[in-house]
Protein backbone atom coordinates (compact mmCIF):
# COMPACT_ATOMS: atom_id res chain seq x y z
CA UNK A 1 -44.82 94.53 -89.79
CA UNK A 2 -42.62 91.71 -91.39
CA UNK A 3 -39.54 92.79 -89.43
CA UNK A 4 -41.77 92.59 -86.38
CA UNK A 5 -42.73 89.10 -87.19
CA UNK A 6 -38.95 88.18 -87.67
CA UNK A 7 -38.15 89.69 -84.67
CA UNK A 8 -40.57 87.76 -82.52
CA UNK A 9 -39.50 84.52 -83.80
CA UNK A 10 -35.82 85.13 -83.27
CA UNK A 11 -36.79 86.09 -79.51
CA UNK A 12 -38.91 82.86 -78.99
CA UNK A 13 -35.89 80.87 -80.52
CA UNK A 14 -33.59 82.67 -78.06
CA UNK A 15 -35.90 82.01 -75.27
CA UNK A 16 -36.06 78.25 -76.14
CA UNK A 17 -32.32 78.08 -76.24
CA UNK A 18 -31.97 79.44 -72.78
CA UNK A 19 -34.49 77.23 -71.22
CA UNK A 20 -32.69 74.30 -72.87
CA UNK A 21 -29.45 75.29 -71.59
CA UNK A 22 -30.84 75.87 -68.02
CA UNK A 23 -32.24 72.22 -68.13
CA UNK A 24 -28.97 70.59 -69.19
CA UNK A 25 -27.20 72.75 -66.46
CA UNK A 26 -29.41 71.42 -63.89
CA UNK A 27 -29.15 68.01 -65.05
CA UNK A 28 -25.62 68.17 -65.01
CA UNK A 29 -25.57 69.53 -61.46
CA UNK A 30 -27.88 66.55 -60.27
CA UNK A 31 -25.54 64.01 -61.94
CA UNK A 32 -22.52 65.79 -60.18
CA UNK A 33 -24.15 65.44 -56.94
CA UNK A 34 -25.32 61.83 -57.34
CA UNK A 35 -21.66 60.82 -58.34
CA UNK A 36 -20.30 62.71 -55.28
CA UNK A 37 -23.06 61.03 -52.90
CA UNK A 38 -22.40 57.66 -54.60
CA UNK A 39 -18.75 57.61 -54.30
CA UNK A 40 -19.10 58.84 -50.58
CA UNK A 41 -20.97 55.71 -49.69
CA UNK A 42 -18.62 53.43 -51.62
CA UNK A 43 -15.63 54.92 -50.02
CA UNK A 44 -17.47 54.38 -46.65
CA UNK A 45 -17.73 50.61 -47.76
CA UNK A 46 -14.19 50.53 -48.60
CA UNK A 47 -13.11 51.83 -45.11
CA UNK A 48 -14.38 49.14 -42.86
CA UNK A 49 -13.51 45.57 -42.44
CA UNK A 50 -17.35 44.30 -42.68
CA UNK A 51 -19.26 46.64 -45.00
CA UNK A 52 -22.53 44.60 -44.39
CA UNK A 53 -22.51 46.31 -40.97
CA UNK A 54 -23.09 49.62 -42.50
CA UNK A 55 -26.40 51.36 -42.92
CA UNK A 56 -27.93 50.30 -46.21
CA UNK A 57 -29.99 53.79 -46.82
CA UNK A 58 -28.89 57.35 -46.33
CA UNK A 59 -30.69 60.62 -47.03
CA UNK A 60 -28.85 63.60 -48.56
CA UNK A 61 -29.68 67.22 -49.02
CA UNK A 62 -32.16 68.39 -51.95
CA UNK A 63 -34.23 65.13 -51.86
CA UNK A 64 -31.29 62.76 -52.73
CA UNK A 65 -31.48 59.23 -51.40
CA UNK A 66 -28.48 56.61 -51.30
CA UNK A 67 -29.06 52.91 -51.15
CA UNK A 68 -26.08 50.57 -50.79
CA UNK A 69 -26.14 46.81 -51.31
CA UNK A 70 -23.37 44.70 -50.11
CA UNK A 71 -23.00 40.89 -50.83
CA UNK A 72 -20.49 38.45 -50.57
CA UNK A 73 -19.36 37.29 -54.11
CA UNK A 74 -16.67 34.80 -53.06
CA UNK A 75 -15.16 33.30 -49.67
CA UNK A 76 -12.27 31.51 -49.04
CA UNK A 77 -12.54 28.08 -47.85
CA UNK A 78 -11.25 29.17 -44.16
CA UNK A 79 -13.42 32.27 -44.41
CA UNK A 80 -10.38 34.48 -43.88
CA UNK A 81 -10.61 36.20 -47.15
CA UNK A 82 -14.03 37.50 -48.42
CA UNK A 83 -14.79 39.47 -51.81
CA UNK A 84 -17.70 41.81 -51.51
CA UNK A 85 -19.55 43.47 -54.18
CA UNK A 86 -20.86 47.00 -53.19
CA UNK A 87 -23.68 48.40 -55.29
CA UNK A 88 -24.78 52.20 -54.50
CA UNK A 89 -27.84 53.49 -56.13
CA UNK A 90 -28.58 57.19 -55.73
CA UNK A 91 -31.88 58.51 -56.82
CA UNK A 92 -33.40 62.11 -56.69
CA UNK A 93 -36.60 63.90 -57.86
CA UNK A 94 -38.44 63.64 -59.98
CA UNK A 95 -36.96 60.58 -61.73
CA UNK A 96 -33.08 60.65 -61.78
CA UNK A 97 -31.04 57.55 -60.61
CA UNK A 98 -27.40 56.57 -60.94
CA UNK A 99 -25.69 53.17 -60.04
CA UNK A 100 -22.11 52.68 -59.04
CA UNK A 101 -20.49 49.36 -58.47
CA UNK A 102 -17.47 48.06 -56.77
CA UNK A 103 -15.42 45.36 -55.36
CA UNK A 104 -13.69 45.02 -51.89
CA UNK A 105 -11.61 42.17 -50.70
CA UNK A 106 -11.02 41.59 -47.13
CA UNK A 107 -8.47 39.50 -45.40
CA UNK A 108 -9.22 38.94 -41.75
CA UNK A 109 -6.33 37.91 -39.38
CA UNK A 110 -7.18 36.25 -36.01
């Protein structure tokens, strides 16, 4: 009887360990996907001359949503050089969120 009680406590502990490992794996996968999506949105803003013209919201697979905010941080007197700050926020259910920010300098020749 004592051996059965010890065995049952050990089995419950092993199940708890597995469930914790599964939650950690799911969380790591969610963050990996969020970083991938955020970096993709940031790279898209880096590839165009005027990042303010890009869509500000995108929806991805598995409930992931991305929001891009672009603002002009600095501008030269003749408006030929602009410094943009690009902030990308990726959210996913139930309450995950990741924010990545970057700077983009654009020199426009006419």
